[in-house]
Amino acid sequence: MDMGGKLICKACRLIIAESKLGAVCPACGVPRSAFEAYADPVKPRRRFFIDLNLHPISLHFPQALSLLVPFCLGAGFIAGGQWGARFDGAALILSMLFPLSVLGAFTTGVFDGSMRFKKLRAPYLVRKIFLGASLFMLSVAAAALAFMVGVEGARVSIGAVCMAAVLVEIALAQIGKSLMCAALPG
């Protein structure tokens, strides 16, 4: 752990340990003289959990699955035969994993929001919770269609549900990227 102070770039707002800063800002290239002392307004325990980046990491799983399921569905349809059956099997398994991955991202998102803002009543957080719940329902719908109707019988429906999930994920990402560096002091 770096015992030196932290500095912030006045140009791009990069925060870096003084001991790690070279002659120029590694992000934007301005000279070292463009930096000033930085004191983190967030208590160390909260900063530790925020800096784990659990939510930003976990949200990539449902994003990947919402795109991989339709890919496998399309590949299974195009390939046909033995390869088609393999792609269909992969689509079924990925569809089953989709709700679990959304649940993980949702849970880490609620935890991250409570660490950053102490309460979950802020307008952006309420919107993210609503969209996250919607995404979970879409993921359950995709899994239910794949399991109950079968991949072959519900290929188009599952693909459509996954594409709707992608749109919800885009909306979540738009809000999330504005909150990435936000945190209440204390």
Protein backbone atom coordinates (compact mmCIF):
# COMPACT_ATOMS: atom_id res chain seq x y z
CA MET A 1 0.00 0.00 0.00
CA ASP A 2 1.35 3.42 -0.98
CA MET A 3 2.00 5.61 2.04
CA GLY A 4 2.64 8.73 -0.06
CA GLY A 5 -0.03 11.28 -0.82
CA LYS A 6 -2.39 11.31 -3.72
CA LEU A 7 -2.41 13.88 -6.48
CA ILE A 8 -5.12 14.94 -8.90
CA CYS A 9 -4.54 16.20 -12.43
CA LYS A 10 -6.12 19.63 -12.86
CA ALA A 11 -6.62 18.92 -16.56
CA CYS A 12 -8.26 15.48 -16.67
CA ARG A 13 -9.01 14.79 -12.96
CA LEU A 14 -6.92 11.58 -12.82
CA ILE A 15 -6.11 10.63 -9.23
CA ILE A 16 -2.77 8.92 -8.73
CA ALA A 17 -0.34 8.13 -5.92
CA GLU A 18 2.46 10.70 -5.88
CA SER A 19 5.06 7.91 -5.95
CA LYS A 20 3.59 6.53 -9.20
CA LEU A 21 3.49 9.83 -11.10
CA GLY A 22 6.26 10.36 -13.61
CA ALA A 23 7.09 13.55 -15.49
CA VAL A 24 3.68 13.70 -17.17
CA CYS A 25 0.10 12.65 -16.50
CA PRO A 26 -0.24 9.06 -17.75
CA ALA A 27 -3.82 9.77 -18.86
CA CYS A 28 -3.63 13.10 -20.70
CA GLY A 29 0.09 13.92 -20.94
CA VAL A 30 0.18 17.30 -19.19
CA PRO A 31 3.31 18.00 -17.13
CA ARG A 32 3.62 16.98 -13.49
CA SER A 33 3.22 20.64 -12.49
CA ALA A 34 -0.48 20.38 -13.47
CA PHE A 35 -1.13 18.15 -10.45
CA GLU A 36 -2.25 19.24 -6.99
CA ALA A 37 -2.71 17.46 -3.67
CA TYR A 38 -5.83 15.32 -3.34
CA ALA A 39 -7.62 14.24 -0.19
CA ASP A 40 -10.21 11.51 -0.72
CA PRO A 41 -13.52 12.60 0.86
CA VAL A 42 -14.62 8.96 1.25
CA LYS A 43 -13.68 7.02 4.38
CA PRO A 44 -11.12 4.25 3.81
CA ARG A 45 -13.51 1.36 4.55
CA ARG A 46 -16.07 2.60 2.01
CA ARG A 47 -13.30 3.40 -0.50
CA PHE A 48 -12.00 -0.16 -0.15
CA PHE A 49 -15.37 -1.64 -1.14
CA ILE A 50 -15.95 0.89 -3.91
CA ASP A 51 -12.50 0.23 -5.35
CA LEU A 52 -13.16 -3.52 -5.50
CA ASN A 53 -15.30 -2.69 -8.55
CA LEU A 54 -17.55 -5.70 -7.91
CA HIS A 55 -20.48 -4.25 -9.82
CA PRO A 56 -18.58 -3.02 -12.89
CA ILE A 57 -16.95 -6.44 -13.15
CA SER A 58 -20.11 -8.51 -12.57
CA LEU A 59 -22.26 -6.63 -15.06
CA HIS A 60 -20.17 -7.91 -17.95
CA PHE A 61 -21.52 -11.44 -17.49
CA PRO A 62 -25.17 -10.66 -18.31
CA GLN A 63 -24.03 -8.37 -21.11
CA ALA A 64 -22.05 -11.19 -22.66
CA LEU A 65 -24.83 -13.74 -22.18
CA SER A 66 -27.51 -11.49 -23.68
CA LEU A 67 -25.42 -11.39 -26.86
CA LEU A 68 -24.13 -14.97 -26.83
CA VAL A 69 -27.57 -16.56 -26.56
CA PRO A 70 -28.88 -15.01 -29.82
CA PHE A 71 -25.53 -15.76 -31.49
CA CYS A 72 -25.82 -19.45 -30.56
CA LEU A 73 -29.48 -19.50 -31.62
CA GLY A 74 -28.59 -18.08 -35.03
CA ALA A 75 -25.57 -20.35 -35.43
CA GLY A 76 -27.67 -23.37 -34.49
CA PHE A 77 -30.29 -22.47 -37.08
CA ILE A 78 -27.70 -21.85 -39.81
CA ALA A 79 -25.48 -24.84 -39.04
CA GLY A 80 -28.20 -27.46 -38.62
CA GLY A 81 -27.39 -31.10 -38.01
CA GLN A 82 -24.91 -32.08 -35.32
CA TRP A 83 -23.31 -28.61 -35.09
CA GLY A 84 -26.73 -26.99 -34.93
CA ALA A 85 -27.65 -29.23 -32.01
CA ARG A 86 -24.43 -28.23 -30.24
CA PHE A 87 -25.14 -24.54 -30.68
CA ASP A 88 -28.73 -25.07 -29.53
CA GLY A 89 -27.43 -26.88 -26.43
CA ALA A 90 -25.07 -24.00 -25.74
CA ALA A 91 -27.96 -21.52 -26.14
CA LEU A 92 -30.01 -23.53 -23.63
CA ILE A 93 -27.21 -23.58 -21.05
CA LEU A 94 -26.41 -19.88 -21.52
CA SER A 95 -30.12 -19.04 -21.22
CA MET A 96 -30.20 -20.82 -17.86
CA LEU A 97 -27.14 -18.89 -16.68
CA PHE A 98 -28.53 -15.54 -17.82
CA PRO A 99 -30.86 -14.91 -14.82
CA LEU A 100 -28.14 -15.96 -12.38
CA SER A 101 -25.70 -13.50 -13.91
CA VAL A 102 -28.30 -10.71 -13.80
CA LEU A 103 -29.03 -11.52 -10.17
CA GLY A 104 -25.31 -11.28 -9.39
CA ALA A 105 -24.96 -7.94 -11.19
CA PHE A 106 -28.11 -6.62 -9.50
CA THR A 107 -26.91 -7.66 -6.05
CA THR A 108 -23.47 -6.13 -6.51
CA GLY A 109 -25.13 -3.00 -7.94
CA VAL A 110 -27.28 -2.55 -4.85
CA PHE A 111 -24.22 -3.07 -2.65
CA ASP A 112 -22.15 -0.63 -4.72
CA GLY A 113 -24.93 1.96 -4.63
CA SER A 114 -25.25 1.68 -0.86
CA MET A 115 -21.47 2.06 -0.46
CA ARG A 116 -21.30 5.10 -2.74
CA PHE A 117 -24.45 6.92 -1.63
CA LYS A 118 -25.36 5.34 1.73
CA LYS A 119 -29.06 5.21 0.69
CA LEU A 120 -30.72 3.82 -2.40
CA ARG A 121 -33.29 6.60 -2.82
CA ALA A 122 -31.37 8.85 -5.23
CA PRO A 123 -33.20 9.25 -8.58
CA TYR A 124 -30.51 7.53 -10.66
CA LEU A 125 -30.30 4.62 -8.23
CA VAL A 126 -34.08 4.18 -8.20
CA ARG A 127 -34.06 4.17 -12.01
CA LYS A 128 -31.21 1.63 -12.05
CA ILE A 129 -33.06 -0.62 -9.60
CA PHE A 130 -36.20 -0.49 -11.76
CA LEU A 131 -34.21 -1.23 -14.93
CA GLY A 132 -32.27 -3.99 -13.14
CA ALA A 133 -35.53 -5.63 -12.05
CA SER A 134 -36.80 -5.36 -15.64
CA LEU A 135 -33.60 -6.96 -16.91
CA PHE A 136 -34.01 -9.79 -14.41
CA MET A 137 -37.58 -10.43 -15.62
CA LEU A 138 -36.39 -10.49 -19.24
CA SER A 139 -33.61 -12.93 -18.35
CA VAL A 140 -36.08 -15.20 -16.55
CA ALA A 141 -38.38 -15.03 -19.59
CA ALA A 142 -35.53 -16.09 -21.90
CA ALA A 143 -34.61 -18.98 -19.59
CA ALA A 144 -38.24 -20.06 -19.19
CA LEU A 145 -38.82 -20.07 -22.96
CA ALA A 146 -35.64 -22.05 -23.56
CA PHE A 147 -36.44 -24.58 -20.84
CA MET A 148 -40.21 -24.98 -21.25
CA VAL A 149 -40.70 -24.52 -25.00
CA GLY A 150 -37.24 -25.51 -26.14
CA VAL A 151 -34.61 -23.65 -28.09
CA GLU A 152 -35.84 -24.88 -31.46
CA GLY A 153 -39.46 -23.96 -30.77
CA ALA A 154 -38.79 -20.53 -29.31
CA ARG A 155 -35.68 -19.47 -31.22
CA VAL A 156 -37.11 -16.14 -32.42
CA SER A 157 -38.84 -15.35 -29.12
CA ILE A 158 -35.71 -16.04 -27.06
CA GLY A 159 -33.64 -13.94 -29.44
CA ALA A 160 -36.15 -11.07 -29.22
CA VAL A 161 -36.19 -11.20 -25.41
CA CYS A 162 -32.37 -11.15 -25.35
CA MET A 163 -32.28 -8.16 -27.71
CA ALA A 164 -34.76 -6.34 -25.44
CA ALA A 165 -32.40 -7.17 -22.57
CA VAL A 166 -29.54 -5.58 -24.49
CA LEU A 167 -31.56 -2.36 -24.78
CA VAL A 168 -32.18 -2.35 -21.03
CA GLU A 169 -28.46 -2.98 -20.45
CA ILE A 170 -27.62 0.03 -22.63
CA ALA A 171 -29.95 2.21 -20.55
CA LEU A 172 -28.35 0.88 -17.35
CA ALA A 173 -24.87 1.56 -18.72
CA GLN A 174 -25.77 5.15 -19.62
CA ILE A 175 -26.77 5.84 -16.02
CA GLY A 176 -23.96 3.74 -14.55
CA LYS A 177 -21.14 5.50 -16.37
CA SER A 178 -22.27 8.82 -14.92
CA LEU A 179 -22.08 7.31 -11.41
CA MET A 180 -18.71 5.53 -11.73
CA CYS A 181 -16.72 8.25 -9.98
CA ALA A 182 -19.50 9.59 -7.74
CA ALA A 183 -19.60 8.93 -4.00
CA LEU A 184 -20.89 10.90 -1.03
CA PRO A 185 -18.18 12.12 1.35
CA GLY A 186 -17.74 10.47 4.71
